[in-house]
Amino acid sequence: MFVRISYVERLLARQRPGDFKPRDESECFDSTETCYAVCGFVGAQISAVMDSLAGGNLDNYLTVFGNQLYRLVLGHLKKFSVSPMGAMVVSQDVKRYQDLVRDFHIARLPKHPFVFFVLKHILLLTPY
């Protein structure tokens, strides 16, 4: 598990500072390349884990992995400043991460999608 989380850290480190400050509206409606890379990697790894583990072992593994992934992604997103248009990009990334974690089908991870939901909506608020 440590190697998987470390690799996700390396993928997240590739995020460019300008990813959340798009210059054009057409760049606002898709997830970032980094998000696609993380979701692709984690999805493949989770498929392999689901084929290898079962029952309580699978639940425990996915719970620990999901918690670590959540902390890692949330900490990663906090590092960036976001423009008003960039909030849409963050929103797309967060939705993709939410969908990924939802595919874990673990009951002990209910608060994470809610926290991502709140983060996404706070970023979308615009000042008067």
N, C-alpha and C. Protein backbone atom coordinates (compact mmCIF):
# COMPACT_ATOMS: atom_id res chain seq x y z
N MET A 1 0.82 -1.18 0.00
CA MET A 1 0.00 0.00 0.00
C MET A 1 0.87 1.26 0.00
N PHE A 2 1.96 1.24 0.74
CA PHE A 2 2.85 2.39 0.81
C PHE A 2 3.36 2.78 -0.57
N VAL A 3 3.68 1.79 -1.38
CA VAL A 3 4.19 2.07 -2.73
C VAL A 3 3.10 2.71 -3.59
N ARG A 4 1.88 2.24 -3.45
CA ARG A 4 0.77 2.82 -4.22
C ARG A 4 0.54 4.27 -3.84
N ILE A 5 0.52 4.55 -2.56
CA ILE A 5 0.31 5.92 -2.09
C ILE A 5 1.47 6.81 -2.52
N SER A 6 2.68 6.29 -2.45
CA SER A 6 3.85 7.06 -2.88
C SER A 6 3.77 7.39 -4.37
N TYR A 7 3.29 6.44 -5.16
CA TYR A 7 3.17 6.71 -6.59
C TYR A 7 2.08 7.76 -6.85
N VAL A 8 1.00 7.71 -6.10
CA VAL A 8 -0.04 8.73 -6.24
C VAL A 8 0.55 10.10 -5.88
N GLU A 9 1.38 10.16 -4.85
CA GLU A 9 2.05 11.41 -4.50
C GLU A 9 2.89 11.93 -5.66
N ARG A 10 3.60 11.03 -6.31
CA ARG A 10 4.42 11.43 -7.47
C ARG A 10 3.54 11.94 -8.60
N LEU A 11 2.42 11.28 -8.83
CA LEU A 11 1.51 11.75 -9.88
C LEU A 11 0.95 13.13 -9.53
N LEU A 12 0.57 13.33 -8.29
CA LEU A 12 0.03 14.63 -7.87
C LEU A 12 1.08 15.73 -7.95
N ALA A 13 2.34 15.37 -7.75
CA ALA A 13 3.42 16.36 -7.82
C ALA A 13 3.57 16.93 -9.24
N ARG A 14 3.03 16.26 -10.23
CA ARG A 14 3.10 16.73 -11.61
C ARG A 14 2.09 17.83 -11.92
N GLN A 15 1.21 18.10 -10.96
CA GLN A 15 0.19 19.14 -11.17
C GLN A 15 0.86 20.48 -11.38
N ARG A 16 0.50 21.15 -12.45
CA ARG A 16 1.07 22.47 -12.74
C ARG A 16 0.29 23.55 -11.99
N PRO A 17 0.99 24.57 -11.51
CA PRO A 17 0.30 25.65 -10.79
C PRO A 17 -0.79 26.32 -11.63
N GLY A 18 -0.63 26.37 -12.92
CA GLY A 18 -1.60 27.02 -13.79
C GLY A 18 -2.82 26.17 -14.12
N ASP A 19 -2.85 24.92 -13.68
CA ASP A 19 -3.98 24.05 -14.00
C ASP A 19 -5.30 24.58 -13.45
N PHE A 20 -5.24 25.28 -12.32
CA PHE A 20 -6.46 25.79 -11.71
C PHE A 20 -6.64 27.29 -11.96
N LYS A 21 -5.93 27.77 -12.97
CA LYS A 21 -6.08 29.17 -13.41
C LYS A 21 -6.17 29.18 -14.93
N PRO A 22 -7.22 28.59 -15.48
CA PRO A 22 -7.32 28.52 -16.94
C PRO A 22 -7.47 29.90 -17.57
N ARG A 23 -6.94 30.04 -18.75
CA ARG A 23 -7.02 31.32 -19.47
C ARG A 23 -8.26 31.40 -20.33
N ASP A 24 -8.83 30.26 -20.62
CA ASP A 24 -9.94 30.19 -21.56
C ASP A 24 -11.07 29.38 -20.92
N GLU A 25 -12.30 29.78 -21.18
CA GLU A 25 -13.45 29.07 -20.64
C GLU A 25 -13.53 27.62 -21.13
N SER A 26 -13.01 27.35 -22.29
CA SER A 26 -13.09 25.99 -22.83
C SER A 26 -12.27 25.01 -22.01
N GLU A 27 -11.32 25.50 -21.21
CA GLU A 27 -10.49 24.63 -20.38
C GLU A 27 -11.16 24.32 -19.04
N CYS A 28 -12.32 24.90 -18.77
CA CYS A 28 -12.96 24.78 -17.45
C CYS A 28 -13.84 23.56 -17.29
N PHE A 29 -14.12 22.86 -18.36
CA PHE A 29 -15.15 21.83 -18.29
C PHE A 29 -14.61 20.42 -18.33
N ASP A 30 -13.34 20.26 -18.00
CA ASP A 30 -12.75 18.93 -17.98
C ASP A 30 -11.79 18.84 -16.80
N SER A 31 -11.52 17.63 -16.39
CA SER A 31 -10.56 17.40 -15.31
C SER A 31 -9.15 17.62 -15.82
N THR A 32 -8.22 17.77 -14.90
CA THR A 32 -6.83 17.97 -15.26
C THR A 32 -6.18 16.64 -15.66
N GLU A 33 -5.07 16.73 -16.36
CA GLU A 33 -4.32 15.53 -16.74
C GLU A 33 -3.87 14.77 -15.50
N THR A 34 -3.51 15.50 -14.46
CA THR A 34 -3.07 14.86 -13.22
C THR A 34 -4.20 14.04 -12.61
N CYS A 35 -5.38 14.58 -12.60
CA CYS A 35 -6.53 13.86 -12.07
C CYS A 35 -6.80 12.58 -12.87
N TYR A 36 -6.75 12.69 -14.20
CA TYR A 36 -6.93 11.50 -15.03
C TYR A 36 -5.87 10.45 -14.72
N ALA A 37 -4.62 10.89 -14.54
CA ALA A 37 -3.53 9.95 -14.26
C ALA A 37 -3.74 9.26 -12.91
N VAL A 38 -4.11 10.04 -11.88
CA VAL A 38 -4.33 9.47 -10.54
C VAL A 38 -5.50 8.50 -10.57
N CYS A 39 -6.60 8.90 -11.16
CA CYS A 39 -7.78 8.04 -11.19
C CYS A 39 -7.54 6.77 -11.99
N GLY A 40 -6.80 6.88 -13.09
CA GLY A 40 -6.48 5.70 -13.88
C GLY A 40 -5.61 4.73 -13.10
N PHE A 41 -4.59 5.25 -12.43
CA PHE A 41 -3.70 4.41 -11.65
C PHE A 41 -4.43 3.76 -10.47
N VAL A 42 -5.15 4.58 -9.70
CA VAL A 42 -5.84 4.05 -8.52
C VAL A 42 -6.91 3.05 -8.94
N GLY A 43 -7.64 3.35 -10.00
CA GLY A 43 -8.66 2.42 -10.47
C GLY A 43 -8.08 1.06 -10.84
N ALA A 44 -6.95 1.06 -11.53
CA ALA A 44 -6.30 -0.21 -11.90
C ALA A 44 -5.81 -0.96 -10.66
N GLN A 45 -5.27 -0.21 -9.71
CA GLN A 45 -4.76 -0.84 -8.49
C GLN A 45 -5.90 -1.42 -7.66
N ILE A 46 -6.99 -0.70 -7.57
CA ILE A 46 -8.13 -1.18 -6.79
C ILE A 46 -8.74 -2.43 -7.43
N SER A 47 -8.78 -2.47 -8.75
CA SER A 47 -9.27 -3.67 -9.44
C SER A 47 -8.41 -4.87 -9.07
N ALA A 48 -7.08 -4.68 -9.07
CA ALA A 48 -6.17 -5.77 -8.71
C ALA A 48 -6.36 -6.19 -7.27
N VAL A 49 -6.55 -5.23 -6.38
CA VAL A 49 -6.76 -5.55 -4.96
C VAL A 49 -8.07 -6.30 -4.78
N MET A 50 -9.11 -5.87 -5.47
CA MET A 50 -10.41 -6.54 -5.34
C MET A 50 -10.37 -7.97 -5.86
N ASP A 51 -9.50 -8.23 -6.83
CA ASP A 51 -9.33 -9.59 -7.33
C ASP A 51 -8.53 -10.45 -6.36
N SER A 52 -7.69 -9.82 -5.53
CA SER A 52 -6.78 -10.55 -4.66
C SER A 52 -7.29 -10.74 -3.25
N LEU A 53 -8.08 -9.81 -2.75
CA LEU A 53 -8.55 -9.87 -1.37
C LEU A 53 -10.06 -10.04 -1.34
N ALA A 54 -10.57 -10.47 -0.19
CA ALA A 54 -12.01 -10.65 -0.04
C ALA A 54 -12.40 -10.39 1.41
N GLY A 55 -13.69 -10.15 1.62
CA GLY A 55 -14.24 -10.03 2.96
C GLY A 55 -13.66 -8.89 3.76
N GLY A 56 -13.36 -9.19 5.03
CA GLY A 56 -12.84 -8.18 5.94
C GLY A 56 -11.50 -7.63 5.53
N ASN A 57 -10.66 -8.48 4.94
CA ASN A 57 -9.35 -8.00 4.49
C ASN A 57 -9.50 -6.92 3.42
N LEU A 58 -10.40 -7.15 2.48
CA LEU A 58 -10.65 -6.18 1.43
C LEU A 58 -11.21 -4.89 2.01
N ASP A 59 -12.19 -5.02 2.91
CA ASP A 59 -12.79 -3.83 3.53
C ASP A 59 -11.74 -3.02 4.28
N ASN A 60 -10.91 -3.69 5.07
CA ASN A 60 -9.88 -2.99 5.83
C ASN A 60 -8.87 -2.31 4.92
N TYR A 61 -8.44 -3.02 3.89
CA TYR A 61 -7.47 -2.45 2.96
C TYR A 61 -8.03 -1.20 2.29
N LEU A 62 -9.26 -1.32 1.77
CA LEU A 62 -9.86 -0.19 1.05
C LEU A 62 -10.16 0.98 1.98
N THR A 63 -10.50 0.69 3.23
CA THR A 63 -10.73 1.76 4.19
C THR A 63 -9.45 2.53 4.47
N VAL A 64 -8.37 1.82 4.74
CA VAL A 64 -7.09 2.47 5.01
C VAL A 64 -6.60 3.20 3.76
N PHE A 65 -6.67 2.56 2.62
CA PHE A 65 -6.23 3.18 1.38
C PHE A 65 -7.08 4.41 1.05
N GLY A 66 -8.40 4.29 1.22
CA GLY A 66 -9.29 5.41 0.96
C GLY A 66 -9.01 6.60 1.86
N ASN A 67 -8.76 6.33 3.15
CA ASN A 67 -8.42 7.42 4.08
C ASN A 67 -7.11 8.09 3.69
N GLN A 68 -6.11 7.31 3.34
CA GLN A 68 -4.83 7.89 2.93
C GLN A 68 -4.97 8.69 1.64
N LEU A 69 -5.71 8.15 0.70
CA LEU A 69 -5.93 8.84 -0.57
C LEU A 69 -6.68 10.15 -0.33
N TYR A 70 -7.69 10.11 0.50
CA TYR A 70 -8.45 11.31 0.83
C TYR A 70 -7.54 12.39 1.41
N ARG A 71 -6.74 12.05 2.42
CA ARG A 71 -5.85 13.03 3.03
C ARG A 71 -4.86 13.58 2.03
N LEU A 72 -4.34 12.71 1.19
CA LEU A 72 -3.35 13.10 0.20
C LEU A 72 -3.94 14.08 -0.81
N VAL A 73 -5.10 13.76 -1.36
CA VAL A 73 -5.73 14.62 -2.37
C VAL A 73 -6.19 15.93 -1.76
N LEU A 74 -6.78 15.89 -0.57
CA LEU A 74 -7.23 17.12 0.06
C LEU A 74 -6.06 18.04 0.36
N GLY A 75 -4.97 17.49 0.89
CA GLY A 75 -3.78 18.29 1.14
C GLY A 75 -3.21 18.85 -0.14
N HIS A 76 -3.25 18.06 -1.19
CA HIS A 76 -2.76 18.50 -2.50
C HIS A 76 -3.58 19.68 -3.02
N LEU A 77 -4.89 19.59 -2.94
CA LEU A 77 -5.75 20.66 -3.46
C LEU A 77 -5.59 21.95 -2.66
N LYS A 78 -5.27 21.85 -1.39
CA LYS A 78 -5.10 23.04 -0.56
C LYS A 78 -3.85 23.83 -0.93
N LYS A 79 -2.92 23.24 -1.64
CA LYS A 79 -1.67 23.90 -1.99
C LYS A 79 -1.83 24.94 -3.10
N PHE A 80 -2.91 24.87 -3.83
CA PHE A 80 -3.05 25.68 -5.03
C PHE A 80 -3.98 26.86 -4.83
N SER A 81 -3.62 27.96 -5.46
CA SER A 81 -4.57 29.07 -5.54
C SER A 81 -5.43 28.82 -6.78
N VAL A 82 -6.67 29.24 -6.69
CA VAL A 82 -7.64 28.91 -7.72
C VAL A 82 -8.33 30.18 -8.20
N SER A 83 -8.38 30.37 -9.51
CA SER A 83 -9.11 31.50 -10.08
C SER A 83 -10.60 31.15 -10.10
N PRO A 84 -11.46 32.14 -10.33
CA PRO A 84 -12.90 31.84 -10.41
C PRO A 84 -13.21 30.78 -11.48
N MET A 85 -12.58 30.88 -12.65
CA MET A 85 -12.80 29.85 -13.67
C MET A 85 -12.14 28.54 -13.26
N GLY A 86 -11.05 28.63 -12.52
CA GLY A 86 -10.35 27.44 -12.06
C GLY A 86 -11.16 26.63 -11.07
N ALA A 87 -12.11 27.29 -10.40
CA ALA A 87 -12.99 26.56 -9.47
C ALA A 87 -13.78 25.49 -10.20
N MET A 88 -14.11 25.76 -11.45
CA MET A 88 -14.82 24.74 -12.25
C MET A 88 -13.90 23.54 -12.53
N VAL A 89 -12.64 23.80 -12.76
CA VAL A 89 -11.68 22.72 -12.99
C VAL A 89 -11.53 21.89 -11.72
N VAL A 90 -11.39 22.58 -10.57
CA VAL A 90 -11.31 21.87 -9.29
C VAL A 90 -12.56 21.05 -9.08
N SER A 91 -13.70 21.62 -9.42
CA SER A 91 -14.97 20.92 -9.29
C SER A 91 -14.99 19.64 -10.10
N GLN A 92 -14.47 19.69 -11.32
CA GLN A 92 -14.41 18.49 -12.16
C GLN A 92 -13.47 17.44 -11.56
N ASP A 93 -12.32 17.89 -11.07
CA ASP A 93 -11.37 16.97 -10.44
C ASP A 93 -11.99 16.32 -9.21
N VAL A 94 -12.63 17.13 -8.37
CA VAL A 94 -13.23 16.62 -7.13
C VAL A 94 -14.31 15.60 -7.46
N LYS A 95 -15.12 15.89 -8.46
CA LYS A 95 -16.16 14.93 -8.85
C LYS A 95 -15.56 13.60 -9.29
N ARG A 96 -14.48 13.67 -10.04
CA ARG A 96 -13.83 12.44 -10.51
C ARG A 96 -13.24 11.66 -9.32
N TYR A 97 -12.62 12.37 -8.36
CA TYR A 97 -12.09 11.71 -7.17
C TYR A 97 -13.22 11.10 -6.33
N GLN A 98 -14.34 11.82 -6.22
CA GLN A 98 -15.50 11.30 -5.49
C GLN A 98 -16.00 10.00 -6.12
N ASP A 99 -16.13 10.01 -7.43
CA ASP A 99 -16.61 8.82 -8.13
C ASP A 99 -15.66 7.64 -7.92
N LEU A 100 -14.37 7.93 -7.91
CA LEU A 100 -13.37 6.89 -7.70
C LEU A 100 -13.53 6.26 -6.32
N VAL A 101 -13.64 7.10 -5.29
CA VAL A 101 -13.77 6.59 -3.92
C VAL A 101 -15.12 5.89 -3.73
N ARG A 102 -16.14 6.39 -4.38
CA ARG A 102 -17.46 5.75 -4.28
C ARG A 102 -17.41 4.32 -4.82
N ASP A 103 -16.56 4.07 -5.79
CA ASP A 103 -16.41 2.73 -6.36
C ASP A 103 -15.78 1.74 -5.38
N PHE A 104 -15.22 2.23 -4.27
CA PHE A 104 -14.65 1.34 -3.26
C PHE A 104 -15.76 0.55 -2.56
N HIS A 105 -16.98 1.10 -2.51
CA HIS A 105 -18.13 0.46 -1.85
C HIS A 105 -17.82 0.14 -0.39
N ILE A 106 -17.25 1.11 0.31
CA ILE A 106 -16.91 0.92 1.72
C ILE A 106 -17.80 1.85 2.56
N ALA A 107 -18.52 1.26 3.50
CA ALA A 107 -19.44 2.04 4.33
C ALA A 107 -18.72 2.98 5.28
N ARG A 108 -17.46 2.68 5.60
CA ARG A 108 -16.75 3.51 6.58
C ARG A 108 -16.09 4.73 5.94
N LEU A 109 -16.39 5.05 4.71
CA LEU A 109 -15.85 6.24 4.05
C LEU A 109 -16.94 7.25 3.70
N PRO A 110 -18.00 7.36 4.49
CA PRO A 110 -19.11 8.24 4.08
C PRO A 110 -18.81 9.72 4.15
N LYS A 111 -17.96 10.16 5.06
CA LYS A 111 -17.75 11.59 5.24
C LYS A 111 -16.90 12.20 4.14
N HIS A 112 -16.07 11.40 3.48
CA HIS A 112 -15.14 11.95 2.50
C HIS A 112 -15.84 12.60 1.31
N PRO A 113 -16.80 11.94 0.70
CA PRO A 113 -17.47 12.63 -0.42
C PRO A 113 -18.14 13.92 0.04
N PHE A 114 -18.67 13.96 1.26
CA PHE A 114 -19.31 15.17 1.75
C PHE A 114 -18.30 16.30 1.89
N VAL A 115 -17.12 16.00 2.43
CA VAL A 115 -16.10 17.03 2.59
C VAL A 115 -15.67 17.56 1.22
N PHE A 116 -15.50 16.67 0.25
CA PHE A 116 -15.17 17.11 -1.10
C PHE A 116 -16.30 17.97 -1.66
N PHE A 117 -17.53 17.59 -1.39
CA PHE A 117 -18.69 18.34 -1.86
C PHE A 117 -18.66 19.76 -1.29
N VAL A 118 -18.40 19.88 0.02
CA VAL A 118 -18.34 21.20 0.65
C VAL A 118 -17.19 22.02 0.07
N LEU A 119 -16.02 21.39 -0.08
CA LEU A 119 -14.86 22.08 -0.64
C LEU A 119 -15.18 22.61 -2.03
N LYS A 120 -15.80 21.79 -2.83
CA LYS A 120 -16.14 22.18 -4.20
C LYS A 120 -17.08 23.39 -4.19
N HIS A 121 -18.08 23.39 -3.32
CA HIS A 121 -19.05 24.49 -3.31
C HIS A 121 -18.46 25.75 -2.70
N ILE A 122 -17.56 25.63 -1.77
CA ILE A 122 -16.90 26.81 -1.22
C ILE A 122 -16.07 27.47 -2.32
N LEU A 123 -15.37 26.68 -3.11
CA LEU A 123 -14.55 27.23 -4.18
C LEU A 123 -15.39 27.90 -5.26
N LEU A 124 -16.63 27.47 -5.42
CA LEU A 124 -17.48 28.03 -6.46
C LEU A 124 -18.17 29.32 -6.05
N LEU A 125 -18.10 29.68 -4.76
CA LEU A 125 -18.71 30.92 -4.31
C LEU A 125 -17.91 32.11 -4.83
N THR A 126 -18.60 33.09 -5.32
CA THR A 126 -17.92 34.28 -5.84
C THR A 126 -18.26 35.46 -4.95
N PRO A 127 -17.33 36.36 -4.70
CA PRO A 127 -17.61 37.52 -3.86
C PRO A 127 -18.53 38.50 -4.57
N TYR A 128 -19.24 39.30 -3.80
CA TYR A 128 -20.15 40.31 -4.36
C TYR A 128 -19.39 41.51 -4.80
